[in-house]
C-alpha atoms as a PDB file:
ATOM      1  CA  MET A   1       8.228   8.383  -5.361  1.00  0.00           C
ATOM      2  CA  LYS A   2       7.768  11.794  -4.218  1.00  0.00           C
ATOM      3  CA  ILE A   3       8.264  12.928  -0.614  1.00  0.00           C
ATOM      4  CA  GLN A   4       6.324  16.313  -0.426  1.00  0.00           C
ATOM      5  CA  VAL A   5       6.828  18.843   3.092  1.00  0.00           C
ATOM      6  CA  LEU A   6       3.914  20.690   3.330  1.00  0.00           C
ATOM      7  CA  GLY A   7       3.219  24.108   5.192  1.00  0.00           C
ATOM      8  CA  SER A   8       2.280  27.327   5.917  1.00  0.00           C
ATOM      9  CA  GLY A   9       5.403  29.163   4.919  1.00  0.00           C
ATOM     10  CA  CYS A  10       6.428  29.672   8.432  1.00  0.00           C
ATOM     11  CA  ALA A  11      10.001  29.179   9.663  1.00  0.00           C
ATOM     12  CA  THR A  12       8.930  25.816  11.593  1.00  0.00           C
ATOM     13  CA  CYS A  13       7.882  24.386   8.322  1.00  0.00           C
ATOM     14  CA  LYS A  14      11.713  25.617   6.689  1.00  0.00           C
ATOM     15  CA  ASN A  15      13.553  24.010   9.220  1.00  0.00           C
ATOM     16  CA  LEU A  16      11.427  20.317   8.059  1.00  0.00           C
ATOM     17  CA  PHE A  17      11.654  21.055   4.563  1.00  0.00           C
ATOM     18  CA  GLU A  18      15.886  21.307   5.381  1.00  0.00           C
ATOM     19  CA  ILE A  19      16.225  18.839   7.553  1.00  0.00           C
ATOM     20  CA  THR A  20      13.915  16.124   5.262  1.00  0.00           C
ATOM     21  CA  LYS A  21      16.306  17.142   2.312  1.00  0.00           C
ATOM     22  CA  LYS A  22      19.011  16.263   4.137  1.00  0.00           C
ATOM     23  CA  ALA A  23      17.955  12.755   5.487  1.00  0.00           C
ATOM     24  CA  VAL A  24      16.674  11.863   1.657  1.00  0.00           C
ATOM     25  CA  ASP A  25      20.927  12.750   1.250  1.00  0.00           C
ATOM     26  CA  GLU A  26      22.106  10.729   3.613  1.00  0.00           C
ATOM     27  CA  MET A  27      20.013   8.006   2.818  1.00  0.00           C
ATOM     28  CA  LYS A  28      21.171   8.680  -0.880  1.00  0.00           C
ATOM     29  CA  LEU A  29      17.664   8.521  -1.963  1.00  0.00           C
ATOM     30  CA  GLU A  30      17.641  10.515  -5.456  1.00  0.00           C
ATOM     31  CA  ILE A  31      14.648  11.685  -4.822  1.00  0.00           C
ATOM     32  CA  GLU A  32      13.190  15.902  -5.379  1.00  0.00           C
ATOM     33  CA  VAL A  33      11.989  16.961  -1.573  1.00  0.00           C
ATOM     34  CA  GLU A  34       9.485  19.297  -2.963  1.00  0.00           C
ATOM     35  CA  TYR A  35       8.363  22.239  -0.586  1.00  0.00           C
ATOM     36  CA  VAL A  36       4.061  23.274  -0.867  1.00  0.00           C
ATOM     37  CA  ALA A  37       3.442  25.907   1.230  1.00  0.00           C
ATOM     38  CA  GLY A  38       1.149  28.987   1.664  1.00  0.00           C
ATOM     39  CA  ASP A  39      -2.495  28.093   0.434  1.00  0.00           C
ATOM     40  CA  LYS A  40      -1.691  25.494  -1.491  1.00  0.00           C
ATOM     41  CA  GLY A  41       0.426  23.771   1.013  1.00  0.00           C
ATOM     42  CA  MET A  42      -2.465  24.039   3.586  1.00  0.00           C
ATOM     43  CA  LYS A  43      -5.324  23.081   0.917  1.00  0.00           C
ATOM     44  CA  LYS A  44      -3.173  19.988   0.128  1.00  0.00           C
ATOM     45  CA  ILE A  45      -2.934  19.293   4.310  1.00  0.00           C
ATOM     46  CA  ILE A  46      -6.508  19.573   4.651  1.00  0.00           C
ATOM     47  CA  GLU A  47      -7.098  17.024   1.651  1.00  0.00           C
ATOM     48  CA  LEU A  48      -4.345  14.672   3.455  1.00  0.00           C
ATOM     49  CA  GLY A  49      -6.926  14.609   6.654  1.00  0.00           C
ATOM     50  CA  ALA A  50      -4.087  15.999   8.871  1.00  0.00           C
ATOM     51  CA  MET A  51      -4.954  18.554  12.314  1.00  0.00           C
ATOM     52  CA  SER A  52      -1.673  19.941  12.649  1.00  0.00           C
ATOM     53  CA  SER A  53       1.717  21.111  10.229  1.00  0.00           C
ATOM     54  CA  PRO A  54       4.304  20.774   8.968  1.00  0.00           C
ATOM     55  CA  VAL A  55       3.054  17.520   7.233  1.00  0.00           C
ATOM     56  CA  LEU A  56       5.629  15.249   5.876  1.00  0.00           C
ATOM     57  CA  ALA A  57       3.640  13.072   3.022  1.00  0.00           C
ATOM     58  CA  VAL A  58       5.894  10.565   1.304  1.00  0.00           C
ATOM     59  CA  ASN A  59       3.568   9.055  -1.964  1.00  0.00           C
ATOM     60  CA  GLY A  60       0.559  11.082  -1.203  1.00  0.00           C
ATOM     61  CA  GLU A  61       0.295   9.395   2.021  1.00  0.00           C
ATOM     62  CA  ILE A  62       1.461  11.532   5.611  1.00  0.00           C
ATOM     63  CA  ALA A  63       4.469  10.191   7.250  1.00  0.00           C
ATOM     64  CA  MET A  64       4.326  12.642   9.984  1.00  0.00           C
ATOM     65  CA  THR A  65       2.638  16.317  11.034  1.00  0.00           C
ATOM     66  CA  GLY A  66       4.072  18.419  13.407  1.00  0.00           C
ATOM     67  CA  PHE A  67       8.157  19.008  13.544  1.00  0.00           C
ATOM     68  CA  THR A  68      11.321  17.218  14.765  1.00  0.00           C
ATOM     69  CA  PRO A  69      14.808  18.573  14.055  1.00  0.00           C
ATOM     70  CA  ASP A  70      16.031  14.634  14.517  1.00  0.00           C
ATOM     71  CA  VAL A  71      17.022  13.550  11.147  1.00  0.00           C
ATOM     72  CA  LYS A  72      16.993  10.481  12.709  1.00  0.00           C
ATOM     73  CA  ALA A  73      13.429  10.020  12.863  1.00  0.00           C
ATOM     74  CA  ILE A  74      12.637  11.777  10.210  1.00  0.00           C
ATOM     75  CA  LYS A  75      14.813   8.924   8.037  1.00  0.00           C
ATOM     76  CA  ALA A  76      12.775   6.528  10.156  1.00  0.00           C
ATOM     77  CA  LYS A  77       9.519   7.955   9.069  1.00  0.00           C
ATOM     78  CA  ILE A  78      10.540   8.179   5.500  1.00  0.00           C
ATOM     79  CA  LYS A  79      11.925   4.033   5.272  1.00  0.00           C
ATOM     80  CA  LYS A  80       8.774   3.258   7.317  1.00  0.00           C
ATOM     81  CA  ALA A  81       6.193   4.959   3.894  1.00  0.00           C
ATOM     82  CA  LEU A  82       8.608   3.864   1.556  1.00  0.00           C
ATOM     83  CA  GLU A  83       8.077  -0.124   2.933  1.00  0.00           C
ATOM     84  CA  ARG A  84       4.076  -0.007   2.890  1.00  0.00           C
ATOM     85  CA  LYS A  85       4.170   0.912  -0.819  1.00  0.00           C
END
C-alpha cells in the first residue's frame, strides 16, 4: 500500500502531510506516508487528473483533493480507498 500527499510545497500541503501521518498512525497502519512536493508533486497531480491541490493519493489513485484539518475525515478517505483494493 502506498499513501502520498502531493502538492506544491506550500504550508497547506505540508499541513495535510502532517495530519495524514497522524491519521495513519491512529489507524495503526504500518505504512509510510510519502510527501511529493515541488515540480515532482505538481507533475504527479497532473498525471492523476486532479484540478486542485493538495492531493491525498492511496495506491496511485486520488482519495481526496483540497485540504481539511479534520483527522477523522482523512481517516475515512483512507479507509474508503483501501476498501476499493
